[in-house]
Amino acid sequence: MALSLAACGFDSHEVRQWTLPAKHQSIDANVDNWIPFVFSEGLTTVTLKTPPDFRSFQKTLPESGFDQHSQRRLLDVEYDYRSKSIEEMAEFELQASFVHLAAPLSLTDLDADTFYRALRIAWRRPPSKDDDPAAELVTANGRQWIHLDNTMSHFGGRAFESFGTLIDPKTVFFVTGSYWENIRKDPVWFESRRALLRTMRENVSVLPQ
């Protein structure tokens, strides 16, 4: 999950890009036209869809194993970009990942604090931090999801929002949206991108093999 990643390096092209006009891309909101992706972990298969016309520079995804933060990155696609060149920063990003928990959780009797505590242990993060996002449980498409909302703060100009659901007692599937500063300055643009993340979450399908 993006929230667990280490700090990104800062380079000069980030400074240059903020002097250019922000790119507000037209994104197809009709899920029937979205691109399907299928990922498996253990005996479970997860299917999701993302809007078309994205760009991606992550050629090594999906990863085959979990990293030192118990994360297996699956998908990283970008929107609101000025061109398909890596030199042109995108404003909006959608990601998906699996997180492997250290100990199993109940699939039926769960609260947000217990869920988030288990995730912090998996990510090797301190028990609590002042800048931790707010955590709550929400229900979508018949599943419980933990919602981690970090949109009121940012790191390096980018803010995150994630939804995670247990697909088995020790595996969490996450979808994450990241929003750069230009999006967050425009309430209509910002809410439209948050809506795309929620639509992505609501169309996730989880099936045993």
C-alpha atoms as a PDB file:
ATOM      1  CA  MET A   1       0.000   0.000   0.000  1.00  0.00           C
ATOM      2  CA  ALA A   2       1.216   3.466  -0.837  1.00  0.00           C
ATOM      3  CA  LEU A   3       0.821   4.732   2.715  1.00  0.00           C
ATOM      4  CA  SER A   4       3.461   2.296   3.924  1.00  0.00           C
ATOM      5  CA  LEU A   5       6.133   3.201   1.403  1.00  0.00           C
ATOM      6  CA  ALA A   6       9.320   5.004   2.360  1.00  0.00           C
ATOM      7  CA  ALA A   7       9.827   8.644   1.394  1.00  0.00           C
ATOM      8  CA  CYS A   8      10.370   9.290  -2.298  1.00  0.00           C
ATOM      9  CA  GLY A   9      13.423  11.136  -3.509  1.00  0.00           C
ATOM     10  CA  PHE A  10      13.077  14.773  -4.528  1.00  0.00           C
ATOM     11  CA  ASP A  11      14.423  15.826  -7.898  1.00  0.00           C
ATOM     12  CA  SER A  12      14.570  18.975  -9.986  1.00  0.00           C
ATOM     13  CA  HIS A  13      11.942  17.961 -12.539  1.00  0.00           C
ATOM     14  CA  GLU A  14       9.266  18.013  -9.799  1.00  0.00           C
ATOM     15  CA  VAL A  15      10.008  21.713  -9.265  1.00  0.00           C
ATOM     16  CA  ARG A  16       9.740  22.431 -13.003  1.00  0.00           C
ATOM     17  CA  GLN A  17       6.438  20.626 -13.388  1.00  0.00           C
ATOM     18  CA  TRP A  18       4.578  22.729 -10.842  1.00  0.00           C
ATOM     19  CA  THR A  19       5.190  25.788 -13.032  1.00  0.00           C
ATOM     20  CA  LEU A  20       3.158  24.207 -15.887  1.00  0.00           C
ATOM     21  CA  PRO A  21      -0.665  24.218 -16.135  1.00  0.00           C
ATOM     22  CA  ALA A  22      -2.328  21.261 -14.419  1.00  0.00           C
ATOM     23  CA  LYS A  23      -3.793  18.640 -16.738  1.00  0.00           C
ATOM     24  CA  HIS A  24      -7.443  17.753 -16.102  1.00  0.00           C
ATOM     25  CA  GLN A  25      -7.928  14.580 -18.138  1.00  0.00           C
ATOM     26  CA  SER A  26     -11.330  13.388 -19.335  1.00  0.00           C
ATOM     27  CA  ILE A  27     -11.762   9.991 -17.638  1.00  0.00           C
ATOM     28  CA  ASP A  28     -14.507   7.563 -18.672  1.00  0.00           C
ATOM     29  CA  ALA A  29     -16.698   6.923 -15.607  1.00  0.00           C
ATOM     30  CA  ASN A  30     -18.686   4.115 -17.283  1.00  0.00           C
ATOM     31  CA  VAL A  31     -17.473   0.929 -15.584  1.00  0.00           C
ATOM     32  CA  ASP A  32     -18.585  -1.128 -18.605  1.00  0.00           C
ATOM     33  CA  ASN A  33     -15.673   0.460 -20.491  1.00  0.00           C
ATOM     34  CA  TRP A  34     -13.070  -0.046 -17.765  1.00  0.00           C
ATOM     35  CA  ILE A  35     -10.069  -2.382 -18.085  1.00  0.00           C
ATOM     36  CA  PRO A  36     -10.233  -5.608 -15.993  1.00  0.00           C
ATOM     37  CA  PHE A  37      -7.286  -6.986 -14.019  1.00  0.00           C
ATOM     38  CA  VAL A  38      -7.114 -10.320 -12.180  1.00  0.00           C
ATOM     39  CA  PHE A  39      -4.756 -11.129  -9.280  1.00  0.00           C
ATOM     40  CA  SER A  40      -4.414 -14.274  -7.183  1.00  0.00           C
ATOM     41  CA  GLU A  41      -3.047 -14.881  -3.711  1.00  0.00           C
ATOM     42  CA  GLY A  42      -3.241 -18.312  -2.118  1.00  0.00           C
ATOM     43  CA  LEU A  43      -6.650 -19.796  -2.934  1.00  0.00           C
ATOM     44  CA  THR A  44      -8.296 -16.464  -3.659  1.00  0.00           C
ATOM     45  CA  THR A  45      -8.700 -14.502  -6.885  1.00  0.00           C
ATOM     46  CA  VAL A  46      -9.403 -10.765  -6.926  1.00  0.00           C
ATOM     47  CA  THR A  47     -10.753  -8.953  -9.976  1.00  0.00           C
ATOM     48  CA  LEU A  48     -10.827  -5.182 -10.342  1.00  0.00           C
ATOM     49  CA  LYS A  49     -11.328  -2.637 -13.105  1.00  0.00           C
ATOM     50  CA  THR A  50      -9.659   0.685 -13.826  1.00  0.00           C
ATOM     51  CA  PRO A  51     -10.613   3.480 -16.239  1.00  0.00           C
ATOM     52  CA  PRO A  52      -8.950   3.323 -19.681  1.00  0.00           C
ATOM     53  CA  ASP A  53      -6.411   5.797 -21.067  1.00  0.00           C
ATOM     54  CA  PHE A  54      -3.968   5.459 -18.190  1.00  0.00           C
ATOM     55  CA  ARG A  55      -0.199   5.410 -18.348  1.00  0.00           C
ATOM     56  CA  SER A  56       2.125   3.216 -16.303  1.00  0.00           C
ATOM     57  CA  PHE A  57       5.880   2.969 -15.909  1.00  0.00           C
ATOM     58  CA  GLN A  58       5.731   0.027 -13.478  1.00  0.00           C
ATOM     59  CA  LYS A  59       6.917  -2.788 -15.751  1.00  0.00           C
ATOM     60  CA  THR A  60       7.694  -5.151 -12.852  1.00  0.00           C
ATOM     61  CA  LEU A  61       4.100  -5.311 -11.598  1.00  0.00           C
ATOM     62  CA  PRO A  62       2.434  -7.405 -10.384  1.00  0.00           C
ATOM     63  CA  GLU A  63       5.150  -8.434  -7.967  1.00  0.00           C
ATOM     64  CA  SER A  64       5.493 -12.159  -7.291  1.00  0.00           C
ATOM     65  CA  GLY A  65       6.297 -11.906  -3.577  1.00  0.00           C
ATOM     66  CA  PHE A  66       5.915  -9.742  -0.489  1.00  0.00           C
ATOM     67  CA  ASP A  67       8.518  -7.126   0.448  1.00  0.00           C
ATOM     68  CA  GLN A  68       9.966  -6.220   3.864  1.00  0.00           C
ATOM     69  CA  HIS A  69       6.782  -4.277   4.658  1.00  0.00           C
ATOM     70  CA  SER A  70       4.593  -7.341   3.989  1.00  0.00           C
ATOM     71  CA  GLN A  71       3.322  -5.736   0.818  1.00  0.00           C
ATOM     72  CA  ARG A  72       2.933  -7.204  -2.665  1.00  0.00           C
ATOM     73  CA  ARG A  73       2.364  -4.447  -5.210  1.00  0.00           C
ATOM     74  CA  LEU A  74      -0.008  -5.358  -8.037  1.00  0.00           C
ATOM     75  CA  LEU A  75      -1.005  -2.309 -10.056  1.00  0.00           C
ATOM     76  CA  ASP A  76       0.060   1.319 -10.474  1.00  0.00           C
ATOM     77  CA  VAL A  77      -1.657   3.412 -13.158  1.00  0.00           C
ATOM     78  CA  GLU A  78      -1.642   7.193 -13.666  1.00  0.00           C
ATOM     79  CA  TYR A  79      -4.141   9.754 -14.966  1.00  0.00           C
ATOM     80  CA  ASP A  80      -4.329  13.524 -15.413  1.00  0.00           C
ATOM     81  CA  TYR A  81      -0.966  13.542 -17.178  1.00  0.00           C
ATOM     82  CA  ARG A  82       0.198  16.088 -19.759  1.00  0.00           C
ATOM     83  CA  SER A  83       1.931  13.487 -21.931  1.00  0.00           C
ATOM     84  CA  LYS A  84       3.050   9.867 -21.736  1.00  0.00           C
ATOM     85  CA  SER A  85       6.617  10.954 -20.992  1.00  0.00           C
ATOM     86  CA  ILE A  86       7.984  10.120 -17.542  1.00  0.00           C
ATOM     87  CA  GLU A  87       9.230  13.716 -17.426  1.00  0.00           C
ATOM     88  CA  GLU A  88       5.625  14.951 -17.222  1.00  0.00           C
ATOM     89  CA  MET A  89       4.145  14.416 -13.779  1.00  0.00           C
ATOM     90  CA  ALA A  90       0.673  12.872 -13.431  1.00  0.00           C
ATOM     91  CA  GLU A  91      -1.792  14.392 -10.949  1.00  0.00           C
ATOM     92  CA  PHE A  92      -3.798  11.254 -10.054  1.00  0.00           C
ATOM     93  CA  GLU A  93      -2.755   7.659  -9.439  1.00  0.00           C
ATOM     94  CA  LEU A  94      -4.602   4.397  -8.719  1.00  0.00           C
ATOM     95  CA  GLN A  95      -2.809   1.491  -7.075  1.00  0.00           C
ATOM     96  CA  ALA A  96      -3.611  -2.020  -5.838  1.00  0.00           C
ATOM     97  CA  SER A  97      -1.702  -4.305  -3.505  1.00  0.00           C
ATOM     98  CA  PHE A  98      -1.888  -7.267  -1.144  1.00  0.00           C
ATOM     99  CA  VAL A  99      -0.694  -6.996   2.468  1.00  0.00           C
ATOM    100  CA  HIS A 100       0.199 -10.126   4.453  1.00  0.00           C
ATOM    101  CA  LEU A 101      -0.680  -9.913   8.158  1.00  0.00           C
ATOM    102  CA  ALA A 102       1.484 -11.361  10.917  1.00  0.00           C
ATOM    103  CA  ALA A 103      -1.514 -12.989  12.631  1.00  0.00           C
ATOM    104  CA  PRO A 104      -4.993 -13.902  11.356  1.00  0.00           C
ATOM    105  CA  LEU A 105      -8.027 -11.683  11.895  1.00  0.00           C
ATOM    106  CA  SER A 106     -11.687 -12.618  12.126  1.00  0.00           C
ATOM    107  CA  LEU A 107     -13.581 -12.176   8.871  1.00  0.00           C
ATOM    108  CA  THR A 108     -16.861 -11.554  10.699  1.00  0.00           C
ATOM    109  CA  ASP A 109     -16.070  -9.773  13.973  1.00  0.00           C
ATOM    110  CA  LEU A 110     -13.732  -6.876  13.266  1.00  0.00           C
ATOM    111  CA  ASP A 111     -13.313  -3.254  14.310  1.00  0.00           C
ATOM    112  CA  ALA A 112     -11.272  -0.472  12.727  1.00  0.00           C
ATOM    113  CA  ASP A 113      -8.724  -0.184  15.564  1.00  0.00           C
ATOM    114  CA  THR A 114      -7.933  -3.911  15.573  1.00  0.00           C
ATOM    115  CA  PHE A 115      -7.678  -3.964  11.785  1.00  0.00           C
ATOM    116  CA  TYR A 116      -5.399  -0.926  11.650  1.00  0.00           C
ATOM    117  CA  ARG A 117      -3.213  -2.220  14.485  1.00  0.00           C
ATOM    118  CA  ALA A 118      -2.660  -5.473  12.550  1.00  0.00           C
ATOM    119  CA  LEU A 119      -1.747  -3.491   9.424  1.00  0.00           C
ATOM    120  CA  ARG A 120       0.775  -1.323  11.285  1.00  0.00           C
ATOM    121  CA  ILE A 121       2.451  -4.474  12.637  1.00  0.00           C
ATOM    122  CA  ALA A 122       2.624  -5.916   9.112  1.00  0.00           C
ATOM    123  CA  TRP A 123       4.085  -2.666   7.764  1.00  0.00           C
ATOM    124  CA  ARG A 124       6.615  -2.562  10.638  1.00  0.00           C
ATOM    125  CA  ARG A 125       5.370   0.843  11.667  1.00  0.00           C
ATOM    126  CA  PRO A 126       5.305   2.190  15.262  1.00  0.00           C
ATOM    127  CA  PRO A 127       2.142   1.391  17.258  1.00  0.00           C
ATOM    128  CA  SER A 128       0.789   4.886  16.593  1.00  0.00           C
ATOM    129  CA  LYS A 129       1.907   8.144  15.055  1.00  0.00           C
ATOM    130  CA  ASP A 130       0.518  11.661  15.171  1.00  0.00           C
ATOM    131  CA  ASP A 131       0.340  11.775  11.379  1.00  0.00           C
ATOM    132  CA  ASP A 132      -1.520   8.471  10.987  1.00  0.00           C
ATOM    133  CA  PRO A 133      -4.635   8.803   8.814  1.00  0.00           C
ATOM    134  CA  ALA A 134      -8.099   8.433  10.261  1.00  0.00           C
ATOM    135  CA  ALA A 135      -9.289   4.802  10.102  1.00  0.00           C
ATOM    136  CA  GLU A 136     -12.897   3.647   9.831  1.00  0.00           C
ATOM    137  CA  LEU A 137     -14.787   0.573   8.638  1.00  0.00           C
ATOM    138  CA  VAL A 138     -17.171   1.011   5.703  1.00  0.00           C
ATOM    139  CA  THR A 139     -19.303  -1.477   3.781  1.00  0.00           C
ATOM    140  CA  ALA A 140     -19.274  -1.605  -0.018  1.00  0.00           C
ATOM    141  CA  ASN A 141     -20.474  -4.309  -2.392  1.00  0.00           C
ATOM    142  CA  GLY A 142     -21.233  -6.603   0.539  1.00  0.00           C
ATOM    143  CA  ARG A 143     -17.712  -6.389   1.991  1.00  0.00           C
ATOM    144  CA  GLN A 144     -16.161  -4.600   4.952  1.00  0.00           C
ATOM    145  CA  TRP A 145     -13.317  -2.245   4.077  1.00  0.00           C
ATOM    146  CA  ILE A 146     -10.979  -0.260   6.277  1.00  0.00           C
ATOM    147  CA  HIS A 147     -10.794   3.316   4.998  1.00  0.00           C
ATOM    148  CA  LEU A 148      -7.515   5.146   5.621  1.00  0.00           C
ATOM    149  CA  ASP A 149      -7.975   8.812   4.775  1.00  0.00           C
ATOM    150  CA  ASN A 150      -4.776  10.816   4.570  1.00  0.00           C
ATOM    151  CA  THR A 151      -6.115  13.501   2.229  1.00  0.00           C
ATOM    152  CA  MET A 152      -5.865  16.272   4.824  1.00  0.00           C
ATOM    153  CA  SER A 153      -2.081  15.945   4.952  1.00  0.00           C
ATOM    154  CA  HIS A 154       0.527  15.215   2.331  1.00  0.00           C
ATOM    155  CA  PHE A 155       4.071  14.025   1.798  1.00  0.00           C
ATOM    156  CA  GLY A 156       6.104  15.605  -0.971  1.00  0.00           C
ATOM    157  CA  GLY A 157       2.995  17.252  -2.409  1.00  0.00           C
ATOM    158  CA  ARG A 158       0.954  14.040  -2.626  1.00  0.00           C
ATOM    159  CA  ALA A 159      -1.916  12.844  -0.397  1.00  0.00           C
ATOM    160  CA  PHE A 160      -3.274   9.306  -0.162  1.00  0.00           C
ATOM    161  CA  GLU A 161      -6.569   7.509   0.429  1.00  0.00           C
ATOM    162  CA  SER A 162      -6.874   3.723   0.738  1.00  0.00           C
ATOM    163  CA  PHE A 163      -9.523   1.039   1.153  1.00  0.00           C
ATOM    164  CA  GLY A 164      -8.543  -2.449   2.338  1.00  0.00           C
ATOM    165  CA  THR A 165     -10.589  -5.646   2.708  1.00  0.00           C
ATOM    166  CA  LEU A 166      -9.709  -9.062   4.109  1.00  0.00           C
ATOM    167  CA  ILE A 167      -9.757 -11.718   1.392  1.00  0.00           C
ATOM    168  CA  ASP A 168      -8.687 -14.390   3.886  1.00  0.00           C
ATOM    169  CA  PRO A 169      -7.770 -14.167   7.604  1.00  0.00           C
ATOM    170  CA  LYS A 170      -4.161 -13.089   6.885  1.00  0.00           C
ATOM    171  CA  THR A 171      -4.376 -11.240   3.547  1.00  0.00           C
ATOM    172  CA  VAL A 172      -5.695  -7.723   2.886  1.00  0.00           C
ATOM    173  CA  PHE A 173      -6.422  -6.403  -0.599  1.00  0.00           C
ATOM    174  CA  PHE A 174      -5.948  -2.642  -0.970  1.00  0.00           C
ATOM    175  CA  VAL A 175      -6.972  -0.077  -3.552  1.00  0.00           C
ATOM    176  CA  THR A 176      -5.332   3.331  -3.155  1.00  0.00           C
ATOM    177  CA  GLY A 177      -5.713   6.737  -4.758  1.00  0.00           C
ATOM    178  CA  SER A 178      -3.045   9.418  -4.626  1.00  0.00           C
ATOM    179  CA  TYR A 179      -3.794  13.054  -5.354  1.00  0.00           C
ATOM    180  CA  TRP A 180      -1.261  15.761  -6.101  1.00  0.00           C
ATOM    181  CA  GLU A 181      -1.614  19.319  -4.892  1.00  0.00           C
ATOM    182  CA  ASN A 182      -3.185  20.697  -8.079  1.00  0.00           C
ATOM    183  CA  ILE A 183      -6.117  18.289  -7.728  1.00  0.00           C
ATOM    184  CA  ARG A 184      -6.618  19.041  -4.048  1.00  0.00           C
ATOM    185  CA  LYS A 185      -6.814  22.777  -4.773  1.00  0.00           C
ATOM    186  CA  ASP A 186      -9.857  22.182  -7.029  1.00  0.00           C
ATOM    187  CA  PRO A 187     -12.802  20.751  -5.012  1.00  0.00           C
ATOM    188  CA  VAL A 188     -14.720  19.527  -8.068  1.00  0.00           C
ATOM    189  CA  TRP A 189     -11.672  17.842  -9.602  1.00  0.00           C
ATOM    190  CA  PHE A 190     -10.680  16.365  -6.243  1.00  0.00           C
ATOM    191  CA  GLU A 191     -14.122  14.895  -5.504  1.00  0.00           C
ATOM    192  CA  SER A 192     -14.401  13.455  -9.016  1.00  0.00           C
ATOM    193  CA  ARG A 193     -11.149  11.536  -8.512  1.00  0.00           C
ATOM    194  CA  ARG A 194     -12.164  10.327  -5.070  1.00  0.00           C
ATOM    195  CA  ALA A 195     -15.392   9.078  -6.672  1.00  0.00           C
ATOM    196  CA  LEU A 196     -13.363   7.073  -9.199  1.00  0.00           C
ATOM    197  CA  LEU A 197     -11.490   5.354  -6.349  1.00  0.00           C
ATOM    198  CA  ARG A 198     -14.792   4.491  -4.645  1.00  0.00           C
ATOM    199  CA  THR A 199     -16.180   3.128  -7.918  1.00  0.00           C
ATOM    200  CA  MET A 200     -13.036   1.013  -8.303  1.00  0.00           C
ATOM    201  CA  ARG A 201     -13.566  -0.341  -4.771  1.00  0.00           C
ATOM    202  CA  GLU A 202     -17.257  -1.062  -5.350  1.00  0.00           C
ATOM    203  CA  ASN A 203     -16.492  -3.188  -8.408  1.00  0.00           C
ATOM    204  CA  VAL A 204     -13.896  -5.424  -6.765  1.00  0.00           C
ATOM    205  CA  SER A 205     -14.798  -9.112  -6.926  1.00  0.00           C
ATOM    206  CA  VAL A 206     -13.264 -11.656  -4.531  1.00  0.00           C
ATOM    207  CA  LEU A 207     -13.658 -15.355  -5.321  1.00  0.00           C
ATOM    208  CA  PRO A 208     -12.040 -18.533  -3.954  1.00  0.00           C
ATOM    209  CA  GLN A 209     -10.225 -20.623  -6.555  1.00  0.00           C
END
